[in-house]
N, C-alpha and C. Protein backbone atom coordinates (compact mmCIF):
# COMPACT_ATOMS: atom_id res chain seq x y z
N MET A 1 0.84 -1.17 0.00
CA MET A 1 0.00 0.00 0.00
C MET A 1 0.89 1.24 0.00
N GLY A 2 0.56 2.24 -0.79
CA GLY A 2 1.36 3.45 -0.93
C GLY A 2 1.21 4.40 0.26
N ARG A 3 2.17 5.24 0.38
CA ARG A 3 2.16 6.22 1.46
C ARG A 3 1.21 7.34 1.13
N LYS A 4 0.38 7.74 2.12
CA LYS A 4 -0.57 8.83 1.90
C LYS A 4 0.17 10.15 1.93
N ARG A 5 -0.19 11.00 1.03
CA ARG A 5 0.41 12.33 0.99
C ARG A 5 -0.45 13.29 1.82
N ARG A 6 0.18 13.99 2.74
CA ARG A 6 -0.55 14.95 3.57
C ARG A 6 -0.79 16.21 2.76
N GLN A 7 -1.99 16.74 2.93
CA GLN A 7 -2.31 17.99 2.24
C GLN A 7 -1.91 19.17 3.09
N ALA A 8 -1.40 20.19 2.45
CA ALA A 8 -1.02 21.42 3.14
C ALA A 8 -2.28 22.12 3.62
N VAL A 9 -2.17 22.78 4.75
CA VAL A 9 -3.27 23.56 5.30
C VAL A 9 -3.07 25.01 4.86
N LYS A 10 -4.11 25.59 4.30
CA LYS A 10 -4.04 26.96 3.83
C LYS A 10 -5.08 27.79 4.57
N PHE A 11 -4.68 28.99 5.00
CA PHE A 11 -5.65 29.87 5.64
C PHE A 11 -5.43 31.29 5.15
N THR A 12 -6.47 32.08 5.28
CA THR A 12 -6.42 33.49 4.87
C THR A 12 -6.51 34.34 6.12
N LEU A 13 -5.68 35.35 6.17
CA LEU A 13 -5.65 36.25 7.30
C LEU A 13 -5.88 37.66 6.76
N ARG A 14 -6.87 38.34 7.30
CA ARG A 14 -7.17 39.71 6.87
C ARG A 14 -6.59 40.69 7.88
N LEU A 15 -5.85 41.66 7.37
CA LEU A 15 -5.29 42.72 8.20
C LEU A 15 -5.95 44.02 7.80
N HIS A 16 -6.38 44.78 8.80
CA HIS A 16 -7.13 46.00 8.54
C HIS A 16 -6.28 47.24 8.86
N PRO A 17 -6.14 48.15 7.87
CA PRO A 17 -5.41 49.40 8.13
C PRO A 17 -6.05 50.15 9.30
N GLY A 18 -5.18 50.73 10.14
CA GLY A 18 -5.64 51.44 11.31
C GLY A 18 -5.73 50.54 12.54
N GLN A 19 -5.97 49.27 12.33
CA GLN A 19 -6.06 48.33 13.44
C GLN A 19 -4.84 47.41 13.48
N ASP A 20 -4.31 47.07 12.34
CA ASP A 20 -3.20 46.12 12.24
C ASP A 20 -1.99 46.73 11.54
N ASP A 21 -1.78 48.02 11.72
CA ASP A 21 -0.71 48.71 11.01
C ASP A 21 0.66 48.11 11.30
N ASP A 22 0.90 47.69 12.55
CA ASP A 22 2.20 47.12 12.88
C ASP A 22 2.46 45.83 12.11
N LEU A 23 1.43 45.00 11.98
CA LEU A 23 1.57 43.75 11.24
C LEU A 23 1.72 44.01 9.74
N ILE A 24 0.98 44.98 9.24
CA ILE A 24 1.07 45.34 7.82
C ILE A 24 2.49 45.81 7.49
N ARG A 25 3.06 46.67 8.37
CA ARG A 25 4.44 47.15 8.16
C ARG A 25 5.43 45.99 8.20
N TRP A 26 5.23 45.08 9.18
CA TRP A 26 6.14 43.94 9.32
C TRP A 26 6.10 43.07 8.06
N LEU A 27 4.90 42.77 7.58
CA LEU A 27 4.79 41.96 6.36
C LEU A 27 5.40 42.68 5.17
N GLY A 28 5.20 44.00 5.10
CA GLY A 28 5.78 44.78 4.01
C GLY A 28 7.30 44.74 4.03
N SER A 29 7.88 44.67 5.22
CA SER A 29 9.34 44.62 5.32
C SER A 29 9.91 43.30 4.81
N LEU A 30 9.06 42.30 4.65
CA LEU A 30 9.50 40.98 4.18
C LEU A 30 9.38 40.84 2.66
N ASP A 31 8.81 41.84 1.99
CA ASP A 31 8.54 41.72 0.55
C ASP A 31 9.79 41.49 -0.30
N GLY A 32 10.93 42.01 0.09
CA GLY A 32 12.13 41.87 -0.74
C GLY A 32 12.87 40.57 -0.55
N LEU A 33 12.40 39.69 0.31
CA LEU A 33 13.09 38.45 0.59
C LEU A 33 12.89 37.43 -0.53
N HIS A 34 13.76 36.42 -0.58
CA HIS A 34 13.66 35.38 -1.60
C HIS A 34 12.39 34.55 -1.43
N PHE A 35 12.07 33.78 -2.44
CA PHE A 35 10.86 32.97 -2.46
C PHE A 35 10.80 32.06 -1.24
N GLY A 36 9.69 32.10 -0.53
CA GLY A 36 9.47 31.24 0.63
C GLY A 36 9.90 31.84 1.95
N ALA A 37 10.70 32.89 1.92
CA ALA A 37 11.21 33.48 3.17
C ALA A 37 10.10 34.17 3.95
N LYS A 38 9.15 34.79 3.25
CA LYS A 38 8.05 35.47 3.93
C LYS A 38 7.18 34.44 4.67
N THR A 39 6.88 33.34 4.01
CA THR A 39 6.10 32.27 4.63
C THR A 39 6.84 31.72 5.84
N GLN A 40 8.15 31.53 5.72
CA GLN A 40 8.95 31.01 6.83
C GLN A 40 8.94 31.98 8.00
N ALA A 41 9.02 33.29 7.73
CA ALA A 41 9.00 34.30 8.79
C ALA A 41 7.67 34.30 9.53
N VAL A 42 6.57 34.14 8.80
CA VAL A 42 5.25 34.10 9.43
C VAL A 42 5.13 32.84 10.29
N LYS A 43 5.61 31.71 9.80
CA LYS A 43 5.57 30.47 10.57
C LYS A 43 6.38 30.61 11.86
N GLU A 44 7.56 31.21 11.77
CA GLU A 44 8.40 31.40 12.96
C GLU A 44 7.71 32.30 13.98
N ALA A 45 7.04 33.36 13.50
CA ALA A 45 6.32 34.26 14.40
C ALA A 45 5.17 33.53 15.09
N LEU A 46 4.46 32.68 14.36
CA LEU A 46 3.37 31.90 14.95
C LEU A 46 3.92 30.93 16.00
N ARG A 47 5.05 30.29 15.70
CA ARG A 47 5.64 29.35 16.67
C ARG A 47 6.10 30.08 17.93
N ARG A 48 6.67 31.27 17.78
CA ARG A 48 7.08 32.04 18.97
C ARG A 48 5.85 32.36 19.82
N GLY A 49 4.73 32.65 19.18
CA GLY A 49 3.50 32.92 19.91
C GLY A 49 3.02 31.70 20.68
N ILE A 50 3.15 30.53 20.09
CA ILE A 50 2.75 29.29 20.75
C ILE A 50 3.68 29.02 21.93
N GLU A 51 4.98 29.18 21.72
CA GLU A 51 5.96 28.92 22.78
C GLU A 51 5.81 29.87 23.96
N SER A 52 5.32 31.08 23.70
CA SER A 52 5.19 32.06 24.78
C SER A 52 3.98 31.79 25.66
N GLY A 53 3.17 30.81 25.30
CA GLY A 53 1.99 30.49 26.10
C GLY A 53 0.78 31.30 25.71
N ASP A 54 0.89 32.08 24.65
CA ASP A 54 -0.22 32.92 24.22
C ASP A 54 -1.17 32.08 23.37
N GLY A 55 -2.41 31.99 23.77
CA GLY A 55 -3.37 31.23 23.00
C GLY A 55 -4.55 30.82 23.86
N PRO A 56 -5.57 30.22 23.25
CA PRO A 56 -6.76 29.81 23.99
C PRO A 56 -6.40 28.84 25.12
N GLY A 57 -6.91 29.12 26.31
CA GLY A 57 -6.68 28.23 27.44
C GLY A 57 -5.33 28.40 28.09
N ARG A 58 -4.55 29.31 27.59
CA ARG A 58 -3.22 29.53 28.18
C ARG A 58 -3.20 30.89 28.86
N PRO A 59 -2.35 31.06 29.86
CA PRO A 59 -2.30 32.36 30.53
C PRO A 59 -1.85 33.46 29.57
N ALA A 60 -2.37 34.64 29.77
CA ALA A 60 -2.01 35.77 28.92
C ALA A 60 -0.55 36.12 29.16
N PRO A 61 0.16 36.52 28.11
CA PRO A 61 1.56 36.89 28.29
C PRO A 61 1.66 38.18 29.11
N ALA A 62 2.81 38.36 29.69
CA ALA A 62 3.06 39.58 30.45
C ALA A 62 2.98 40.78 29.51
N PRO A 63 2.53 41.91 30.00
CA PRO A 63 2.45 43.08 29.13
C PRO A 63 3.84 43.49 28.65
N ALA A 64 3.87 44.13 27.50
CA ALA A 64 5.13 44.59 26.94
C ALA A 64 5.78 45.59 27.88
N VAL A 65 7.08 45.49 28.00
CA VAL A 65 7.83 46.38 28.89
C VAL A 65 8.15 47.67 28.14
N ASP A 66 7.78 48.78 28.74
CA ASP A 66 8.07 50.09 28.16
C ASP A 66 9.28 50.65 28.91
N LEU A 67 10.49 50.35 28.41
CA LEU A 67 11.71 50.71 29.12
C LEU A 67 11.86 52.21 29.34
N PRO A 68 11.55 53.07 28.38
CA PRO A 68 11.67 54.51 28.65
C PRO A 68 10.76 54.97 29.79
N GLU A 69 9.55 54.39 29.88
CA GLU A 69 8.64 54.76 30.96
C GLU A 69 9.17 54.28 32.30
N ILE A 70 9.72 53.06 32.34
CA ILE A 70 10.31 52.54 33.57
C ILE A 70 11.48 53.41 34.00
N ARG A 71 12.30 53.79 33.05
CA ARG A 71 13.46 54.63 33.37
C ARG A 71 13.01 55.97 33.97
N ALA A 72 11.97 56.57 33.42
CA ALA A 72 11.47 57.85 33.92
C ALA A 72 10.97 57.71 35.36
N VAL A 73 10.29 56.60 35.65
CA VAL A 73 9.77 56.37 37.00
C VAL A 73 10.93 56.18 37.98
N VAL A 74 11.93 55.41 37.58
CA VAL A 74 13.08 55.17 38.46
C VAL A 74 13.85 56.47 38.70
N GLU A 75 14.05 57.25 37.64
CA GLU A 75 14.76 58.53 37.80
C GLU A 75 14.01 59.46 38.76
N ALA A 76 12.69 59.51 38.66
CA ALA A 76 11.90 60.36 39.55
C ALA A 76 12.03 59.88 41.00
N ALA A 77 12.01 58.57 41.21
CA ALA A 77 12.13 58.02 42.56
C ALA A 77 13.50 58.31 43.15
N VAL A 78 14.55 58.22 42.33
CA VAL A 78 15.90 58.51 42.81
C VAL A 78 16.02 59.99 43.17
N GLU A 79 15.47 60.85 42.33
CA GLU A 79 15.51 62.29 42.62
C GLU A 79 14.81 62.60 43.94
N GLN A 80 13.65 61.98 44.18
CA GLN A 80 12.93 62.21 45.44
C GLN A 80 13.73 61.71 46.63
N ALA A 81 14.34 60.54 46.49
CA ALA A 81 15.13 59.98 47.59
C ALA A 81 16.33 60.87 47.89
N LEU A 82 17.00 61.35 46.85
CA LEU A 82 18.16 62.22 47.06
C LEU A 82 17.75 63.55 47.67
N ALA A 83 16.59 64.05 47.31
CA ALA A 83 16.12 65.33 47.85
C ALA A 83 15.90 65.22 49.35
N ARG A 84 15.47 64.07 49.83
CA ARG A 84 15.26 63.87 51.27
C ARG A 84 16.58 63.91 52.05
N PHE A 85 17.67 63.53 51.39
CA PHE A 85 18.97 63.50 52.06
C PHE A 85 19.80 64.74 51.79
N GLU A 86 19.22 65.75 51.20
CA GLU A 86 19.95 66.96 50.83
C GLU A 86 20.66 67.53 52.06
N GLY A 87 21.95 67.72 51.93
CA GLY A 87 22.75 68.28 53.02
C GLY A 87 23.16 67.26 54.07
N ARG A 88 22.65 66.04 54.00
CA ARG A 88 22.99 65.04 55.01
C ARG A 88 23.97 64.00 54.48
N VAL A 89 24.33 64.09 53.23
CA VAL A 89 25.22 63.10 52.65
C VAL A 89 26.65 63.56 52.88
N SER A 90 27.47 62.72 53.46
CA SER A 90 28.86 63.08 53.70
C SER A 90 29.73 62.50 52.61
N ALA A 91 30.88 63.08 52.44
CA ALA A 91 31.81 62.64 51.41
C ALA A 91 32.84 61.69 51.97
N THR A 92 32.55 61.05 53.07
CA THR A 92 33.48 60.11 53.68
C THR A 92 33.51 58.83 52.85
N PRO A 93 34.69 58.50 52.32
CA PRO A 93 34.75 57.27 51.51
C PRO A 93 34.59 56.04 52.40
N SER A 94 33.93 55.07 51.87
CA SER A 94 33.74 53.81 52.60
C SER A 94 34.57 52.73 51.93
N ALA A 95 34.71 51.62 52.61
CA ALA A 95 35.46 50.50 52.04
C ALA A 95 34.69 49.96 50.85
N PRO A 96 35.41 49.56 49.82
CA PRO A 96 34.70 49.02 48.63
C PRO A 96 33.91 47.78 49.01
N PRO A 97 32.71 47.64 48.45
CA PRO A 97 31.89 46.47 48.79
C PRO A 97 32.52 45.19 48.26
N GLU A 98 32.20 44.10 48.91
CA GLU A 98 32.70 42.80 48.48
C GLU A 98 32.02 42.43 47.15
N VAL A 99 32.78 41.93 46.21
CA VAL A 99 32.23 41.58 44.90
C VAL A 99 31.69 40.17 44.96
N ASP A 100 30.40 40.05 44.66
CA ASP A 100 29.75 38.75 44.60
C ASP A 100 29.64 38.37 43.12
N GLU A 101 30.39 37.37 42.71
CA GLU A 101 30.46 36.98 41.29
C GLU A 101 29.08 36.63 40.72
N GLU A 102 28.27 35.91 41.49
CA GLU A 102 26.95 35.50 41.00
C GLU A 102 26.05 36.72 40.79
N VAL A 103 26.08 37.65 41.74
CA VAL A 103 25.27 38.86 41.63
C VAL A 103 25.74 39.68 40.43
N GLU A 104 27.05 39.81 40.25
CA GLU A 104 27.58 40.56 39.11
C GLU A 104 27.13 39.95 37.79
N ALA A 105 27.16 38.63 37.69
CA ALA A 105 26.73 37.94 36.46
C ALA A 105 25.25 38.19 36.20
N LEU A 106 24.42 38.14 37.25
CA LEU A 106 22.98 38.40 37.09
C LEU A 106 22.74 39.84 36.65
N LEU A 107 23.46 40.79 37.23
CA LEU A 107 23.29 42.19 36.86
C LEU A 107 23.75 42.44 35.43
N ASP A 108 24.84 41.79 35.02
CA ASP A 108 25.29 41.94 33.63
C ASP A 108 24.25 41.41 32.65
N GLY A 109 23.65 40.26 32.98
CA GLY A 109 22.61 39.69 32.13
C GLY A 109 21.38 40.58 32.06
N LEU A 110 21.00 41.14 33.20
CA LEU A 110 19.85 42.04 33.24
C LEU A 110 20.13 43.29 32.41
N GLY A 111 21.32 43.83 32.55
CA GLY A 111 21.68 45.02 31.78
C GLY A 111 21.64 44.76 30.29
N ALA A 112 22.12 43.59 29.87
CA ALA A 112 22.12 43.26 28.44
C ALA A 112 20.70 43.14 27.91
N ASN A 113 19.77 42.67 28.73
CA ASN A 113 18.38 42.53 28.29
C ASN A 113 17.61 43.85 28.31
N LEU A 114 18.08 44.82 29.08
CA LEU A 114 17.36 46.08 29.18
C LEU A 114 17.86 47.13 28.20
N VAL A 115 18.93 46.86 27.48
CA VAL A 115 19.47 47.84 26.54
C VAL A 115 18.55 47.92 25.34
N LEU A 116 18.17 49.14 24.99
CA LEU A 116 17.30 49.33 23.84
C LEU A 116 18.14 49.30 22.57
N ALA A 117 17.65 48.58 21.57
CA ALA A 117 18.33 48.52 20.29
C ALA A 117 18.11 49.84 19.55
N ASP A 118 19.10 50.23 18.76
CA ASP A 118 18.95 51.44 17.96
C ASP A 118 17.89 51.22 16.91
N GLU A 119 16.95 52.15 16.84
CA GLU A 119 15.89 52.07 15.83
C GLU A 119 16.28 52.97 14.68
N GLY A 120 16.37 52.41 13.52
CA GLY A 120 16.66 53.28 12.38
C GLY A 120 17.70 52.77 11.52
């Protein structure tokens, strides 16, 4: 008996200007790629969505992190904290803190993940 050939699944996705502009721009950026690359990019994006737990019956993903907004909040908090100590901070040098290798590695990893990529 011969091997059955599986049929490809085809679906249509409608994107609406004004509502899906980010997706429309992303798809447009793929137009210059070689044959099949656009399809492969869409498949990879769908797989990343599945791996992230986003989908029916799965917990909603964490909201997108707005790093500039977080930075503004942290800067404001630091300014307020420093204002409370105005005139009370002494310039007496203290002994350098002990370096914890594990903590340094975690901070380096965090810093690498929080760096914003250049847009443009």
